[in-house]
PDB file of N, CA and C in Angstrom:
ATOM      1  N   MET A   1      -1.447 -14.216   2.016  1.00  0.00           N
ATOM      2  CA  MET A   1      -2.147 -15.277   2.247  1.00  0.00           C
ATOM      3  C   MET A   1      -3.395 -15.305   0.639  1.00  0.00           C
ATOM      4  N   LEU A   2      -3.478 -13.960   0.279  1.00  0.00           N
ATOM      5  CA  LEU A   2      -4.314 -13.839  -1.061  1.00  0.00           C
ATOM      6  C   LEU A   2      -3.591 -14.646  -2.275  1.00  0.00           C
ATOM      7  N   ASP A   3      -2.240 -14.441  -2.265  1.00  0.00           N
ATOM      8  CA  ASP A   3      -1.664 -14.800  -3.507  1.00  0.00           C
ATOM      9  C   ASP A   3      -1.549 -16.362  -3.183  1.00  0.00           C
ATOM     10  N   MET A   4      -1.135 -16.732  -2.039  1.00  0.00           N
ATOM     11  CA  MET A   4      -1.382 -18.318  -2.146  1.00  0.00           C
ATOM     12  C   MET A   4      -2.802 -19.095  -2.599  1.00  0.00           C
ATOM     13  N   LEU A   5      -3.848 -17.986  -1.658  1.00  0.00           N
ATOM     14  CA  LEU A   5      -5.112 -18.760  -2.776  1.00  0.00           C
ATOM     15  C   LEU A   5      -5.551 -18.409  -3.856  1.00  0.00           C
ATOM     16  N   SER A   6      -4.811 -17.582  -4.697  1.00  0.00           N
ATOM     17  CA  SER A   6      -4.856 -17.160  -6.136  1.00  0.00           C
ATOM     18  C   SER A   6      -4.421 -18.361  -7.103  1.00  0.00           C
ATOM     19  N   ARG A   7      -3.835 -19.216  -6.229  1.00  0.00           N
ATOM     20  CA  ARG A   7      -3.537 -20.791  -7.024  1.00  0.00           C
ATOM     21  C   ARG A   7      -4.699 -21.780  -6.631  1.00  0.00           C
ATOM     22  N   GLY A   8      -5.687 -21.538  -5.524  1.00  0.00           N
ATOM     23  CA  GLY A   8      -6.420 -22.475  -5.167  1.00  0.00           C
ATOM     24  C   GLY A   8      -6.570 -22.640  -4.117  1.00  0.00           C
ATOM     25  N   GLU A   9      -7.860 -23.394  -3.687  1.00  0.00           N
ATOM     26  CA  GLU A   9      -8.290 -23.614  -2.338  1.00  0.00           C
ATOM     27  C   GLU A   9      -7.047 -24.168  -1.645  1.00  0.00           C
ATOM     28  N   LEU A  10      -7.165 -23.688  -0.173  1.00  0.00           N
ATOM     29  CA  LEU A  10      -6.408 -24.239   1.206  1.00  0.00           C
ATOM     30  C   LEU A  10      -6.888 -24.233   2.403  1.00  0.00           C
ATOM     31  N   GLY A  11      -6.606 -24.925   3.038  1.00  0.00           N
ATOM     32  CA  GLY A  11      -6.885 -25.538   4.514  1.00  0.00           C
ATOM     33  C   GLY A  11      -6.273 -24.057   5.268  1.00  0.00           C
ATOM     34  N   ALA A  12      -6.930 -23.680   6.211  1.00  0.00           N
ATOM     35  CA  ALA A  12      -6.184 -23.107   7.461  1.00  0.00           C
ATOM     36  C   ALA A  12      -4.645 -23.206   7.668  1.00  0.00           C
ATOM     37  N   GLY A  13      -4.235 -24.671   7.973  1.00  0.00           N
ATOM     38  CA  GLY A  13      -3.273 -25.115   8.301  1.00  0.00           C
ATOM     39  C   GLY A  13      -2.241 -24.784   7.210  1.00  0.00           C
ATOM     40  N   ASP A  14      -2.558 -25.076   6.048  1.00  0.00           N
ATOM     41  CA  ASP A  14      -1.658 -24.824   4.864  1.00  0.00           C
ATOM     42  C   ASP A  14      -1.448 -23.433   4.758  1.00  0.00           C
ATOM     43  N   LEU A  15      -2.859 -22.486   4.847  1.00  0.00           N
ATOM     44  CA  LEU A  15      -2.200 -21.102   5.047  1.00  0.00           C
ATOM     45  C   LEU A  15      -1.301 -20.609   5.861  1.00  0.00           C
ATOM     46  N   ALA A  16      -1.230 -21.642   7.199  1.00  0.00           N
ATOM     47  CA  ALA A  16      -0.587 -20.760   8.324  1.00  0.00           C
ATOM     48  C   ALA A  16       0.856 -21.069   7.995  1.00  0.00           C
ATOM     49  N   ARG A  17       1.131 -22.307   7.640  1.00  0.00           N
ATOM     50  CA  ARG A  17       2.771 -22.907   7.514  1.00  0.00           C
ATOM     51  C   ARG A  17       3.779 -21.935   7.331  1.00  0.00           C
ATOM     52  N   PRO A  18       3.568 -21.238   5.831  1.00  0.00           N
ATOM     53  CA  PRO A  18       4.810 -20.236   5.601  1.00  0.00           C
ATOM     54  C   PRO A  18       4.996 -18.990   6.849  1.00  0.00           C
ATOM     55  N   PHE A  19       4.114 -18.665   7.537  1.00  0.00           N
ATOM     56  CA  PHE A  19       4.288 -17.790   8.503  1.00  0.00           C
ATOM     57  C   PHE A  19       4.805 -18.279   9.588  1.00  0.00           C
ATOM     58  N   ARG A  20       5.445 -17.076  10.452  1.00  0.00           N
ATOM     59  CA  ARG A  20       6.304 -17.024  11.637  1.00  0.00           C
ATOM     60  C   ARG A  20       5.364 -16.237  12.665  1.00  0.00           C
ATOM     61  N   ILE A  21       3.931 -16.659  12.603  1.00  0.00           N
ATOM     62  CA  ILE A  21       3.049 -15.960  13.582  1.00  0.00           C
ATOM     63  C   ILE A  21       2.254 -17.426  13.887  1.00  0.00           C
ATOM     64  N   SER A  22       1.876 -17.019  15.330  1.00  0.00           N
ATOM     65  CA  SER A  22       0.762 -17.751  15.870  1.00  0.00           C
ATOM     66  C   SER A  22      -0.236 -18.421  14.820  1.00  0.00           C
ATOM     67  N   ARG A  23      -1.143 -19.738  15.268  1.00  0.00           N
ATOM     68  CA  ARG A  23      -2.129 -20.069  14.527  1.00  0.00           C
ATOM     69  C   ARG A  23      -3.329 -18.766  14.900  1.00  0.00           C
ATOM     70  N   PRO A  24      -3.623 -18.567  16.250  1.00  0.00           N
ATOM     71  CA  PRO A  24      -4.575 -17.648  16.582  1.00  0.00           C
ATOM     72  C   PRO A  24      -4.138 -16.303  15.498  1.00  0.00           C
ATOM     73  N   ALA A  25      -2.999 -15.737  15.645  1.00  0.00           N
ATOM     74  CA  ALA A  25      -3.098 -14.444  14.464  1.00  0.00           C
ATOM     75  C   ALA A  25      -3.444 -14.866  13.415  1.00  0.00           C
ATOM     76  N   VAL A  26      -3.008 -15.706  12.545  1.00  0.00           N
ATOM     77  CA  VAL A  26      -3.685 -16.505  11.266  1.00  0.00           C
ATOM     78  C   VAL A  26      -4.932 -16.206  11.073  1.00  0.00           C
ATOM     79  N   SER A  27      -5.639 -16.914  12.099  1.00  0.00           N
ATOM     80  CA  SER A  27      -6.986 -16.895  12.411  1.00  0.00           C
ATOM     81  C   SER A  27      -7.740 -15.522  12.346  1.00  0.00           C
ATOM     82  N   GLN A  28      -7.122 -14.786  12.952  1.00  0.00           N
ATOM     83  CA  GLN A  28      -7.522 -13.267  12.730  1.00  0.00           C
ATOM     84  C   GLN A  28      -7.417 -12.303  11.405  1.00  0.00           C
ATOM     85  N   HIS A  29      -6.412 -12.865  10.708  1.00  0.00           N
ATOM     86  CA  HIS A  29      -6.035 -12.374   9.544  1.00  0.00           C
ATOM     87  C   HIS A  29      -7.250 -13.016   8.831  1.00  0.00           C
ATOM     88  N   LEU A  30      -7.347 -14.252   8.732  1.00  0.00           N
ATOM     89  CA  LEU A  30      -8.572 -14.993   7.504  1.00  0.00           C
ATOM     90  C   LEU A  30      -9.802 -14.173   8.302  1.00  0.00           C
ATOM     91  N   LYS A  31      -9.808 -14.277   9.474  1.00  0.00           N
ATOM     92  CA  LYS A  31     -11.377 -13.171   9.774  1.00  0.00           C
ATOM     93  C   LYS A  31     -11.663 -12.068   9.123  1.00  0.00           C
ATOM     94  N   VAL A  32     -10.328 -11.286   9.047  1.00  0.00           N
ATOM     95  CA  VAL A  32     -10.428  -9.705   8.663  1.00  0.00           C
ATOM     96  C   VAL A  32     -10.788 -10.062   6.952  1.00  0.00           C
ATOM     97  N   LEU A  33      -9.923 -11.240   6.211  1.00  0.00           N
ATOM     98  CA  LEU A  33      -9.855 -11.020   4.737  1.00  0.00           C
ATOM     99  C   LEU A  33     -11.649 -11.598   4.378  1.00  0.00           C
ATOM    100  N   LYS A  34     -12.147 -12.457   5.261  1.00  0.00           N
ATOM    101  CA  LYS A  34     -13.607 -12.790   5.169  1.00  0.00           C
ATOM    102  C   LYS A  34     -14.311 -11.977   5.406  1.00  0.00           C
ATOM    103  N   ARG A  35     -14.292 -10.834   6.330  1.00  0.00           N
ATOM    104  CA  ARG A  35     -15.018  -9.680   6.740  1.00  0.00           C
ATOM    105  C   ARG A  35     -15.175  -8.605   5.271  1.00  0.00           C
ATOM    106  N   ALA A  36     -13.800  -8.685   4.876  1.00  0.00           N
ATOM    107  CA  ALA A  36     -13.781  -7.926   3.567  1.00  0.00           C
ATOM    108  C   ALA A  36     -14.281  -8.564   2.454  1.00  0.00           C
ATOM    109  N   GLY A  37     -14.800  -9.472   2.405  1.00  0.00           N
ATOM    110  CA  GLY A  37     -15.282 -10.296   1.348  1.00  0.00           C
ATOM    111  C   GLY A  37     -14.205 -10.794   0.192  1.00  0.00           C
ATOM    112  N   LEU A  38     -12.936 -10.800   0.842  1.00  0.00           N
ATOM    113  CA  LEU A  38     -11.814 -11.467  -0.082  1.00  0.00           C
ATOM    114  C   LEU A  38     -11.517 -12.971  -0.089  1.00  0.00           C
ATOM    115  N   VAL A  39     -12.094 -13.426   0.975  1.00  0.00           N
ATOM    116  CA  VAL A  39     -11.942 -14.834   1.107  1.00  0.00           C
ATOM    117  C   VAL A  39     -13.433 -15.467   1.254  1.00  0.00           C
ATOM    118  N   ARG A  40     -13.867 -16.763   0.744  1.00  0.00           N
ATOM    119  CA  ARG A  40     -14.659 -17.372   1.022  1.00  0.00           C
ATOM    120  C   ARG A  40     -14.287 -18.964   1.960  1.00  0.00           C
ATOM    121  N   VAL A  41     -15.076 -19.308   2.721  1.00  0.00           N
ATOM    122  CA  VAL A  41     -14.831 -20.144   3.729  1.00  0.00           C
ATOM    123  C   VAL A  41     -15.752 -21.465   3.689  1.00  0.00           C
ATOM    124  N   ARG A  42     -15.245 -22.586   3.839  1.00  0.00           N
ATOM    125  CA  ARG A  42     -16.185 -23.633   3.580  1.00  0.00           C
ATOM    126  C   ARG A  42     -15.881 -24.583   4.754  1.00  0.00           C
ATOM    127  N   ARG A  43     -16.595 -25.745   5.232  1.00  0.00           N
ATOM    128  CA  ARG A  43     -16.096 -26.738   6.254  1.00  0.00           C
ATOM    129  C   ARG A  43     -16.029 -27.938   5.455  1.00  0.00           C
ATOM    130  N   GLU A  44     -14.878 -28.449   5.291  1.00  0.00           N
ATOM    131  CA  GLU A  44     -14.667 -30.033   4.949  1.00  0.00           C
ATOM    132  C   GLU A  44     -14.305 -30.941   6.255  1.00  0.00           C
ATOM    133  N   GLY A  45     -15.316 -31.550   6.673  1.00  0.00           N
ATOM    134  CA  GLY A  45     -15.215 -32.194   7.927  1.00  0.00           C
ATOM    135  C   GLY A  45     -14.745 -31.230   9.337  1.00  0.00           C
ATOM    136  N   ARG A  46     -13.637 -31.546   9.563  1.00  0.00           N
ATOM    137  CA  ARG A  46     -13.290 -30.429  10.835  1.00  0.00           C
ATOM    138  C   ARG A  46     -12.153 -29.073  10.458  1.00  0.00           C
ATOM    139  N   GLU A  47     -11.776 -29.424   9.516  1.00  0.00           N
ATOM    140  CA  GLU A  47     -11.334 -28.386   8.580  1.00  0.00           C
ATOM    141  C   GLU A  47     -11.883 -27.198   7.651  1.00  0.00           C
ATOM    142  N   GLN A  48     -11.365 -26.182   8.089  1.00  0.00           N
ATOM    143  CA  GLN A  48     -11.785 -24.949   7.181  1.00  0.00           C
ATOM    144  C   GLN A  48     -11.054 -24.812   5.683  1.00  0.00           C
ATOM    145  N   ILE A  49     -11.559 -24.604   4.473  1.00  0.00           N
ATOM    146  CA  ILE A  49     -11.258 -24.620   3.277  1.00  0.00           C
ATOM    147  C   ILE A  49     -11.475 -23.374   2.943  1.00  0.00           C
ATOM    148  N   TYR A  50     -10.197 -22.281   2.336  1.00  0.00           N
ATOM    149  CA  TYR A  50     -10.627 -21.246   2.034  1.00  0.00           C
ATOM    150  C   TYR A  50     -10.318 -20.909   0.800  1.00  0.00           C
ATOM    151  N   SER A  51     -10.728 -20.274  -0.004  1.00  0.00           N
ATOM    152  CA  SER A  51     -10.961 -19.701  -1.154  1.00  0.00           C
ATOM    153  C   SER A  51     -10.729 -18.073  -1.602  1.00  0.00           C
ATOM    154  N   LEU A  52     -10.280 -17.677  -2.640  1.00  0.00           N
ATOM    155  CA  LEU A  52     -10.352 -16.347  -2.964  1.00  0.00           C
ATOM    156  C   LEU A  52     -11.358 -15.671  -3.747  1.00  0.00           C
ATOM    157  N   SER A  53     -11.837 -14.903  -2.988  1.00  0.00           N
ATOM    158  CA  SER A  53     -12.916 -14.368  -3.536  1.00  0.00           C
ATOM    159  C   SER A  53     -12.539 -12.890  -4.612  1.00  0.00           C
ATOM    160  N   PRO A  54     -12.356 -12.884  -5.416  1.00  0.00           N
ATOM    161  CA  PRO A  54     -11.216 -11.834  -6.247  1.00  0.00           C
ATOM    162  C   PRO A  54     -12.408 -10.552  -6.729  1.00  0.00           C
ATOM    163  N   GLN A  55     -13.627 -10.766  -6.278  1.00  0.00           N
ATOM    164  CA  GLN A  55     -14.431  -9.089  -6.801  1.00  0.00           C
ATOM    165  C   GLN A  55     -14.016  -8.182  -6.074  1.00  0.00           C
ATOM    166  N   PRO A  56     -14.024  -8.153  -4.963  1.00  0.00           N
ATOM    167  CA  PRO A  56     -13.730  -6.697  -4.193  1.00  0.00           C
ATOM    168  C   PRO A  56     -12.314  -5.982  -4.712  1.00  0.00           C
ATOM    169  N   LEU A  57     -11.231  -7.262  -5.021  1.00  0.00           N
ATOM    170  CA  LEU A  57     -10.021  -6.598  -5.669  1.00  0.00           C
ATOM    171  C   LEU A  57     -10.041  -6.269  -6.854  1.00  0.00           C
ATOM    172  N   ARG A  58     -11.184  -6.752  -7.670  1.00  0.00           N
ATOM    173  CA  ARG A  58     -11.295  -6.273  -9.120  1.00  0.00           C
ATOM    174  C   ARG A  58     -12.081  -4.604  -8.698  1.00  0.00           C
ATOM    175  N   GLU A  59     -12.805  -4.512  -8.064  1.00  0.00           N
ATOM    176  CA  GLU A  59     -13.403  -3.213  -7.682  1.00  0.00           C
ATOM    177  C   GLU A  59     -12.619  -2.389  -7.719  1.00  0.00           C
ATOM    178  N   ILE A  60     -11.499  -2.460  -6.629  1.00  0.00           N
ATOM    179  CA  ILE A  60     -10.474  -1.596  -6.299  1.00  0.00           C
ATOM    180  C   ILE A  60      -9.405  -1.468  -7.270  1.00  0.00           C
ATOM    181  N   TYR A  61      -9.057  -2.374  -8.029  1.00  0.00           N
ATOM    182  CA  TYR A  61      -8.225  -2.327  -9.583  1.00  0.00           C
ATOM    183  C   TYR A  61      -9.290  -1.034 -10.530  1.00  0.00           C
ATOM    184  N   ASP A  62     -10.318  -1.478 -10.838  1.00  0.00           N
ATOM    185  CA  ASP A  62     -11.154  -0.639 -11.382  1.00  0.00           C
ATOM    186  C   ASP A  62     -11.060   0.691 -10.783  1.00  0.00           C
ATOM    187  N   TRP A  63     -11.436   0.897  -9.728  1.00  0.00           N
ATOM    188  CA  TRP A  63     -11.025   2.585  -8.871  1.00  0.00           C
ATOM    189  C   TRP A  63      -9.881   3.126  -9.067  1.00  0.00           C
ATOM    190  N   LEU A  64      -8.731   2.497  -8.911  1.00  0.00           N
ATOM    191  CA  LEU A  64      -7.378   3.045  -9.132  1.00  0.00           C
ATOM    192  C   LEU A  64      -7.143   3.262 -10.435  1.00  0.00           C
ATOM    193  N   GLY A  65      -7.983   2.534 -11.382  1.00  0.00           N
ATOM    194  CA  GLY A  65      -7.598   2.655 -12.984  1.00  0.00           C
ATOM    195  C   GLY A  65      -7.879   4.108 -13.350  1.00  0.00           C
ATOM    196  N   ARG A  66      -8.934   4.629 -12.803  1.00  0.00           N
ATOM    197  CA  ARG A  66      -9.201   6.101 -13.215  1.00  0.00           C
ATOM    198  C   ARG A  66      -8.439   7.150 -13.099  1.00  0.00           C
ATOM    199  N   TYR A  67      -7.347   6.821 -12.062  1.00  0.00           N
ATOM    200  CA  TYR A  67      -6.336   7.777 -11.506  1.00  0.00           C
ATOM    201  C   TYR A  67      -5.071   7.245 -12.484  1.00  0.00           C
ATOM    202  N   GLN A  68      -4.757   6.183 -13.158  1.00  0.00           N
ATOM    203  CA  GLN A  68      -3.721   5.774 -13.775  1.00  0.00           C
ATOM    204  C   GLN A  68      -3.353   7.135 -14.865  1.00  0.00           C
ATOM    205  N   ALA A  69      -4.204   7.096 -15.598  1.00  0.00           N
ATOM    206  CA  ALA A  69      -4.069   8.503 -16.595  1.00  0.00           C
ATOM    207  C   ALA A  69      -3.541   9.671 -15.924  1.00  0.00           C
ATOM    208  N   PHE A  70      -4.248  10.136 -14.879  1.00  0.00           N
ATOM    209  CA  PHE A  70      -3.535  11.233 -14.291  1.00  0.00           C
ATOM    210  C   PHE A  70      -1.934  11.162 -13.896  1.00  0.00           C
ATOM    211  N   TRP A  71      -1.840   9.592 -12.966  1.00  0.00           N
ATOM    212  CA  TRP A  71      -0.589   9.651 -12.882  1.00  0.00           C
ATOM    213  C   TRP A  71       0.525   9.642 -13.776  1.00  0.00           C
ATOM    214  N   SER A  72      -0.125   8.756 -14.749  1.00  0.00           N
ATOM    215  CA  SER A  72       0.886   8.621 -16.174  1.00  0.00           C
ATOM    216  C   SER A  72       1.290  10.085 -16.562  1.00  0.00           C
ATOM    217  N   GLY A  73       0.593  10.958 -16.578  1.00  0.00           N
ATOM    218  CA  GLY A  73       0.690  12.369 -16.998  1.00  0.00           C
ATOM    219  C   GLY A  73       1.713  13.024 -16.148  1.00  0.00           C
ATOM    220  N   LYS A  74       1.323  12.859 -14.919  1.00  0.00           N
ATOM    221  CA  LYS A  74       2.247  13.474 -14.380  1.00  0.00           C
ATOM    222  C   LYS A  74       3.591  13.109 -13.810  1.00  0.00           C
ATOM    223  N   LEU A  75       3.935  12.014 -14.447  1.00  0.00           N
ATOM    224  CA  LEU A  75       5.417  11.312 -14.297  1.00  0.00           C
ATOM    225  C   LEU A  75       5.746  11.571 -15.779  1.00  0.00           C
ATOM    226  N   GLU A  76       5.321  11.570 -16.595  1.00  0.00           N
ATOM    227  CA  GLU A  76       5.847  12.348 -18.152  1.00  0.00           C
ATOM    228  C   GLU A  76       6.083  13.666 -17.861  1.00  0.00           C
ATOM    229  N   ALA A  77       5.359  14.799 -17.382  1.00  0.00           N
ATOM    230  CA  ALA A  77       5.359  15.775 -17.238  1.00  0.00           C
ATOM    231  C   ALA A  77       7.217  16.082 -16.197  1.00  0.00           C
ATOM    232  N   LEU A  78       7.192  15.089 -15.275  1.00  0.00           N
ATOM    233  CA  LEU A  78       8.248  15.345 -14.529  1.00  0.00           C
ATOM    234  C   LEU A  78       9.411  14.745 -15.160  1.00  0.00           C
ATOM    235  N   GLY A  79       9.211  13.459 -16.096  1.00  0.00           N
ATOM    236  CA  GLY A  79      10.502  13.466 -16.885  1.00  0.00           C
ATOM    237  C   GLY A  79      10.862  14.159 -17.803  1.00  0.00           C
ATOM    238  N   ALA A  80       9.930  15.037 -18.488  1.00  0.00           N
ATOM    239  CA  ALA A  80      10.317  16.145 -19.329  1.00  0.00           C
ATOM    240  C   ALA A  80      10.875  17.236 -18.610  1.00  0.00           C
ATOM    241  N   PHE A  81      10.367  17.536 -17.394  1.00  0.00           N
ATOM    242  CA  PHE A  81      11.382  18.777 -16.636  1.00  0.00           C
ATOM    243  C   PHE A  81      12.429  18.158 -16.215  1.00  0.00           C
ATOM    244  N   LEU A  82      13.064  17.249 -16.003  1.00  0.00           N
ATOM    245  CA  LEU A  82      14.311  16.594 -15.614  1.00  0.00           C
ATOM    246  C   LEU A  82      15.163  16.458 -16.477  1.00  0.00           C
ATOM    247  N   ARG A  83      14.777  16.308 -17.841  1.00  0.00           N
ATOM    248  CA  ARG A  83      15.356  16.265 -18.995  1.00  0.00           C
ATOM    249  C   ARG A  83      15.721  17.873 -19.136  1.00  0.00           C
ATOM    250  N   GLU A  84      15.112  18.581 -19.453  1.00  0.00           N
ATOM    251  CA  GLU A  84      15.175  19.873 -19.659  1.00  0.00           C
ATOM    252  C   GLU A  84      16.155  20.573 -18.656  1.00  0.00           C
ATOM    253  N   GLU A  85      15.970  20.179 -17.252  1.00  0.00           N
ATOM    254  CA  GLU A  85      17.175  20.843 -16.487  1.00  0.00           C
ATOM    255  C   GLU A  85      18.420  19.933 -16.876  1.00  0.00           C
ATOM    256  N   GLU A  86      18.511  19.031 -16.812  1.00  0.00           N
ATOM    257  CA  GLU A  86      19.539  18.264 -17.381  1.00  0.00           C
ATOM    258  C   GLU A  86      20.297  18.936 -18.290  1.00  0.00           C
ATOM    259  N   ASP A  87      19.602  19.184 -19.467  1.00  0.00           N
ATOM    260  CA  ASP A  87      19.951  19.959 -20.732  1.00  0.00           C
ATOM    261  C   ASP A  87      20.588  20.977 -20.610  1.00  0.00           C
ATOM    262  N   GLU A  88      19.905  21.962 -19.493  1.00  0.00           N
ATOM    263  CA  GLU A  88      20.266  23.203 -19.205  1.00  0.00           C
ATOM    264  C   GLU A  88      21.871  23.263 -18.640  1.00  0.00           C
ATOM    265  N   GLN A  89      22.117  22.323 -17.599  1.00  0.00           N
ATOM    266  CA  GLN A  89      23.325  22.060 -17.085  1.00  0.00           C
ATOM    267  C   GLN A  89      24.484  21.854 -17.820  1.00  0.00           C
TER     268      GLN A  89
END
């Protein structure tokens, strides 16, 4: 749903359409996303229109970025170890 909303606003029905789950299940998912601050909702007549609120995703991305150097170093070390093992055989 977040990927769909990254392209623009959508109504609840449009968000539900590609999924093989009930409308109430879609509604529950949207409530969770709203509570997490990942989507905003506004009314347009009887329909609820959802849009992406990317700030919480940016905060997660920034937090994970602190570990990128750590994991890159570990993966490089693993690659060097595996090359050494291969050379010894």
